[in-house]
């Protein structure tokens, strides 16, 4: 267990290889992050019931359970930012991890400074989504049949249905809502870091938003794909 300043972000590290866990913890401490390390998925899930981290770094190959199952339980019970750090570089694991709520996916072996850069990028996105002043905290955006409560990260449909968004989903939706009926590229939507041509994180988040917003996600009416260009939010948007 490594400690930095008490007010610095707390990061949980799920890694069963001791040397790698020490490297990650030492790197995080060097850059001002607190961390706690766990060798099994069950140990992390037990700990998160008592204290919630700002971000979890998750290995997938664990001795007691698959890391994707840890991610699933974490997002269902104690949602937080998540970065998968694993030796498994298959497209299926990458896409499934993002589908289950991971914010990023990094393959071993890794450069420690890149890990820190990705951690910072994820935390900035969450901080931006949460950094709402008192007047904006209660504002609502109206579009299509939906009302988006920015402060609560909550969607309410005209028919009474309520849907909760993760901070990453809410940040993406706000970006689309700020520029309705305009094509936004994947680079514009991802924000702070350079987009790898094989990075599908935005595509996966768009898919998750569609499942929550659209009557038929396979034939979307609100968030449309403009092939070869990006995504387009088709709606009249009003801000309260």
Protein backbone atom coordinates (compact mmCIF):
# COMPACT_ATOMS: atom_id res chain seq x y z
CA UNK A 1 0.00 0.00 0.00
CA UNK A 2 1.38 3.38 -0.99
CA UNK A 3 0.31 6.76 0.29
CA UNK A 4 0.85 10.26 -1.11
CA UNK A 5 -0.93 13.40 0.03
CA UNK A 6 -4.21 12.57 1.77
CA UNK A 7 -6.17 14.76 -0.66
CA UNK A 8 -4.66 13.22 -3.79
CA UNK A 9 -6.77 10.79 -5.86
CA UNK A 10 -7.00 7.23 -4.54
CA UNK A 11 -6.34 4.50 -7.09
CA UNK A 12 -6.94 0.78 -6.59
CA UNK A 13 -4.46 -1.49 -8.38
CA UNK A 14 -5.59 -5.04 -9.11
CA UNK A 15 -2.48 -6.99 -10.10
CA UNK A 16 -1.45 -10.48 -8.94
CA UNK A 17 2.20 -10.20 -10.06
CA UNK A 18 4.00 -8.59 -7.12
CA UNK A 19 6.78 -6.93 -9.12
CA UNK A 20 4.34 -5.29 -11.52
CA UNK A 21 2.08 -4.19 -8.65
CA UNK A 22 5.08 -2.55 -6.95
CA UNK A 23 6.09 -0.83 -10.18
CA UNK A 24 2.60 0.58 -10.67
CA UNK A 25 2.27 1.70 -7.05
CA UNK A 26 5.71 3.29 -7.08
CA UNK A 27 5.00 5.13 -10.31
CA UNK A 28 1.67 6.42 -9.03
CA UNK A 29 3.27 7.61 -5.79
CA UNK A 30 6.02 9.39 -7.75
CA UNK A 31 3.36 11.38 -9.57
CA UNK A 32 1.35 12.23 -6.46
CA UNK A 33 -1.34 9.53 -6.39
CA UNK A 34 -2.37 7.39 -3.45
CA UNK A 35 -2.87 3.71 -4.19
CA UNK A 36 -3.86 0.41 -2.65
CA UNK A 37 -2.85 -2.87 -4.29
CA UNK A 38 -4.78 -6.14 -4.42
CA UNK A 39 -3.73 -9.57 -5.66
CA UNK A 40 -7.23 -10.98 -6.12
CA UNK A 41 -10.51 -9.70 -7.47
CA UNK A 42 -12.39 -10.66 -4.34
CA UNK A 43 -9.99 -8.66 -2.15
CA UNK A 44 -10.61 -5.52 -4.21
CA UNK A 45 -14.39 -6.01 -4.26
CA UNK A 46 -14.40 -6.48 -0.49
CA UNK A 47 -12.36 -3.33 0.04
CA UNK A 48 -14.47 -1.18 -2.29
CA UNK A 49 -17.45 -1.79 0.01
CA UNK A 50 -15.63 0.27 2.63
CA UNK A 51 -13.88 2.92 0.56
CA UNK A 52 -14.32 3.92 -3.08
CA UNK A 53 -11.39 4.95 -5.26
CA UNK A 54 -11.39 7.62 -7.92
CA UNK A 55 -10.04 5.04 -10.36
CA UNK A 56 -9.27 1.32 -10.52
CA UNK A 57 -6.45 -0.19 -12.60
CA UNK A 58 -7.47 -3.76 -13.38
CA UNK A 59 -5.53 -6.76 -14.65
CA UNK A 60 -7.63 -9.38 -16.42
CA UNK A 61 -5.65 -12.53 -15.68
CA UNK A 62 -6.25 -13.15 -11.96
CA UNK A 63 -5.94 -16.25 -9.76
CA UNK A 64 -9.51 -16.22 -8.43
CA UNK A 65 -11.73 -14.71 -11.15
CA UNK A 66 -11.61 -13.02 -14.53
CA UNK A 67 -10.84 -9.32 -14.41
CA UNK A 68 -13.78 -8.57 -16.69
CA UNK A 69 -16.08 -10.01 -14.02
CA UNK A 70 -14.42 -7.74 -11.45
CA UNK A 71 -15.08 -4.80 -13.75
CA UNK A 72 -18.71 -5.85 -14.20
CA UNK A 73 -19.33 -6.13 -10.45
CA UNK A 74 -17.47 -2.91 -9.76
CA UNK A 75 -19.56 -0.93 -12.24
CA UNK A 76 -22.83 -2.48 -11.07
CA UNK A 77 -22.23 -2.02 -7.35
CA UNK A 78 -19.64 0.73 -6.84
CA UNK A 79 -19.12 2.62 -10.13
CA UNK A 80 -15.79 4.37 -10.58
CA UNK A 81 -13.37 5.19 -13.37
CA UNK A 82 -11.53 2.12 -14.62
CA UNK A 83 -8.44 1.41 -16.70
CA UNK A 84 -7.70 -2.14 -17.84
CA UNK A 85 -3.97 -2.98 -17.78
CA UNK A 86 -3.38 -6.49 -19.09
CA UNK A 87 -1.31 -8.78 -21.26
CA UNK A 88 -4.44 -9.79 -23.17
CA UNK A 89 -4.41 -7.75 -26.37
CA UNK A 90 -7.25 -9.40 -28.28
CA UNK A 91 -9.90 -7.18 -29.83
CA UNK A 92 -12.69 -9.15 -28.11
CA UNK A 93 -11.30 -8.44 -24.61
CA UNK A 94 -10.71 -4.79 -25.51
CA UNK A 95 -14.22 -4.21 -26.83
CA UNK A 96 -15.88 -6.19 -24.02
CA UNK A 97 -13.92 -4.26 -21.41
CA UNK A 98 -15.06 -0.95 -22.87
CA UNK A 99 -18.63 -2.26 -23.15
CA UNK A 100 -18.56 -3.12 -19.44
CA UNK A 101 -17.54 0.43 -18.53
CA UNK A 102 -13.75 0.66 -18.71
CA UNK A 103 -12.51 4.11 -19.68
CA UNK A 104 -9.30 2.92 -21.30
CA UNK A 105 -7.34 -0.24 -22.16
CA UNK A 106 -3.56 -0.54 -21.99
CA UNK A 107 -1.60 -3.65 -22.97
CA UNK A 108 1.51 -4.94 -21.15
CA UNK A 109 4.40 -4.36 -21.36
CA UNK A 110 3.72 -0.71 -20.72
CA UNK A 111 5.66 2.50 -20.29
CA UNK A 112 5.00 3.84 -16.75
CA UNK A 113 4.77 7.44 -17.97
CA UNK A 114 2.12 6.45 -20.49
CA UNK A 115 0.15 4.76 -17.71
CA UNK A 116 0.27 7.98 -15.67
CA UNK A 117 -0.75 10.04 -18.72
CA UNK A 118 -3.78 7.81 -19.28
CA UNK A 119 -4.70 7.91 -15.59
CA UNK A 120 -4.55 11.71 -15.64
CA UNK A 121 -6.61 11.87 -18.84
CA UNK A 122 -9.36 9.68 -17.36
CA UNK A 123 -9.46 11.65 -14.12
CA UNK A 124 -9.63 14.96 -16.01
CA UNK A 125 -12.65 13.73 -17.96
CA UNK A 126 -14.40 12.74 -14.73
CA UNK A 127 -13.47 15.99 -13.01
CA UNK A 128 -14.82 18.01 -15.92
CA UNK A 129 -18.08 16.09 -15.80
CA UNK A 130 -18.33 16.69 -12.05
CA UNK A 131 -17.11 20.30 -12.04
CA UNK A 132 -20.47 22.00 -12.31
CA UNK A 133 -21.06 25.30 -10.52
CA UNK A 134 -24.11 25.85 -8.34
CA UNK A 135 -26.20 27.43 -11.06
CA UNK A 136 -25.43 24.73 -13.60
CA UNK A 137 -25.78 21.90 -11.10
CA UNK A 138 -29.55 22.07 -11.38
CA UNK A 139 -29.78 22.83 -15.10
CA UNK A 140 -31.62 20.53 -17.45
CA UNK A 141 -31.14 19.97 -21.15
CA UNK A 142 -34.15 19.04 -23.28
CA UNK A 143 -33.72 17.08 -26.50
CA UNK A 144 -35.91 14.62 -28.42
CA UNK A 145 -38.07 12.95 -25.74
CA UNK A 146 -35.46 13.32 -23.03
CA UNK A 147 -34.59 15.65 -20.15
CA UNK A 148 -30.95 15.47 -19.03
CA UNK A 149 -30.26 16.61 -15.45
CA UNK A 150 -26.59 17.58 -15.63
CA UNK A 151 -25.98 17.75 -11.88
CA UNK A 152 -27.45 14.30 -11.21
CA UNK A 153 -26.16 12.64 -14.43
CA UNK A 154 -29.72 11.49 -14.90
CA UNK A 155 -31.95 11.13 -17.97
CA UNK A 156 -35.74 11.23 -17.73
CA UNK A 157 -37.92 10.33 -20.69
CA UNK A 158 -41.29 11.94 -21.39
CA UNK A 159 -42.89 8.57 -20.59
CA UNK A 160 -41.41 8.63 -17.08
CA UNK A 161 -38.48 6.27 -17.56
CA UNK A 162 -35.28 7.23 -15.74
CA UNK A 163 -31.78 6.30 -16.86
CA UNK A 164 -28.52 6.91 -15.02
CA UNK A 165 -25.32 7.73 -16.89
CA UNK A 166 -21.72 7.18 -15.93
CA UNK A 167 -19.56 10.28 -15.75
CA UNK A 168 -17.85 9.34 -19.02
CA UNK A 169 -21.20 8.82 -20.78
CA UNK A 170 -22.50 12.11 -19.41
CA UNK A 171 -19.42 13.99 -20.59
CA UNK A 172 -19.79 12.53 -24.08
CA UNK A 173 -23.49 13.39 -24.19
CA UNK A 174 -22.81 16.96 -23.09
CA UNK A 175 -20.26 17.35 -25.88
CA UNK A 176 -22.84 16.21 -28.42
CA UNK A 177 -25.55 18.42 -26.92
CA UNK A 178 -23.36 21.52 -27.07
CA UNK A 179 -23.09 21.13 -30.85
CA UNK A 180 -26.38 19.61 -32.03
CA UNK A 181 -26.91 18.86 -35.70
CA UNK A 182 -23.18 19.18 -36.37
CA UNK A 183 -20.82 16.37 -37.28
CA UNK A 184 -18.23 15.74 -34.56
CA UNK A 185 -15.22 13.58 -35.34
CA UNK A 186 -14.03 10.85 -33.01
CA UNK A 187 -10.98 13.03 -32.29
CA UNK A 188 -13.23 15.91 -31.20
CA UNK A 189 -15.24 13.61 -28.98
CA UNK A 190 -12.34 11.90 -27.27
CA UNK A 191 -10.86 15.19 -26.10
CA UNK A 192 -7.49 15.28 -24.48
CA UNK A 193 -5.36 12.46 -25.85
CA UNK A 194 -4.29 11.54 -29.35
CA UNK A 195 -6.60 8.95 -30.87
CA UNK A 196 -5.08 5.60 -31.78
CA UNK A 197 -6.57 4.43 -35.10
CA UNK A 198 -7.59 1.19 -33.38
CA UNK A 199 -9.09 2.93 -30.33
CA UNK A 200 -12.80 2.11 -30.20
CA UNK A 201 -13.59 3.70 -26.83
CA UNK A 202 -15.72 6.48 -28.35
CA UNK A 203 -17.55 4.02 -30.60
CA UNK A 204 -18.32 1.84 -27.59
CA UNK A 205 -19.57 4.79 -25.51
CA UNK A 206 -21.76 5.92 -28.40
CA UNK A 207 -23.18 2.40 -28.52
CA UNK A 208 -23.88 2.49 -24.79
CA UNK A 209 -25.61 5.88 -25.08
CA UNK A 210 -27.73 4.63 -27.95
CA UNK A 211 -28.93 1.65 -25.91
CA UNK A 212 -30.11 4.09 -23.24
CA UNK A 213 -31.59 6.75 -25.56
CA UNK A 214 -32.91 5.01 -28.63
CA UNK A 215 -36.01 2.88 -29.14
CA UNK A 216 -34.03 0.86 -31.67
CA UNK A 217 -30.25 1.25 -31.14
CA UNK A 218 -29.62 -0.59 -34.41
CA UNK A 219 -31.50 2.14 -36.30
CA UNK A 220 -30.65 5.25 -34.28
CA UNK A 221 -32.66 8.44 -34.73
CA UNK A 222 -30.95 10.66 -32.14
CA UNK A 223 -27.22 9.89 -32.45
CA UNK A 224 -26.43 9.11 -36.06
CA UNK A 225 -23.24 7.79 -37.60
CA UNK A 226 -21.88 9.77 -40.52
CA UNK A 227 -19.64 7.18 -42.12
CA UNK A 228 -16.09 8.35 -42.63
CA UNK A 229 -16.75 11.58 -40.71
CA UNK A 230 -18.02 11.03 -37.16
CA UNK A 231 -21.26 11.31 -35.18
CA UNK A 232 -24.20 13.70 -35.32
CA UNK A 233 -26.81 14.44 -32.64
CA UNK A 234 -30.08 15.00 -34.52
CA UNK A 235 -32.37 16.96 -32.21
CA UNK A 236 -33.50 20.40 -31.16
CA UNK A 237 -31.69 21.19 -27.90
CA UNK A 238 -32.85 23.67 -25.25
CA UNK A 239 -30.98 24.49 -22.05
CA UNK A 240 -32.64 25.59 -18.80
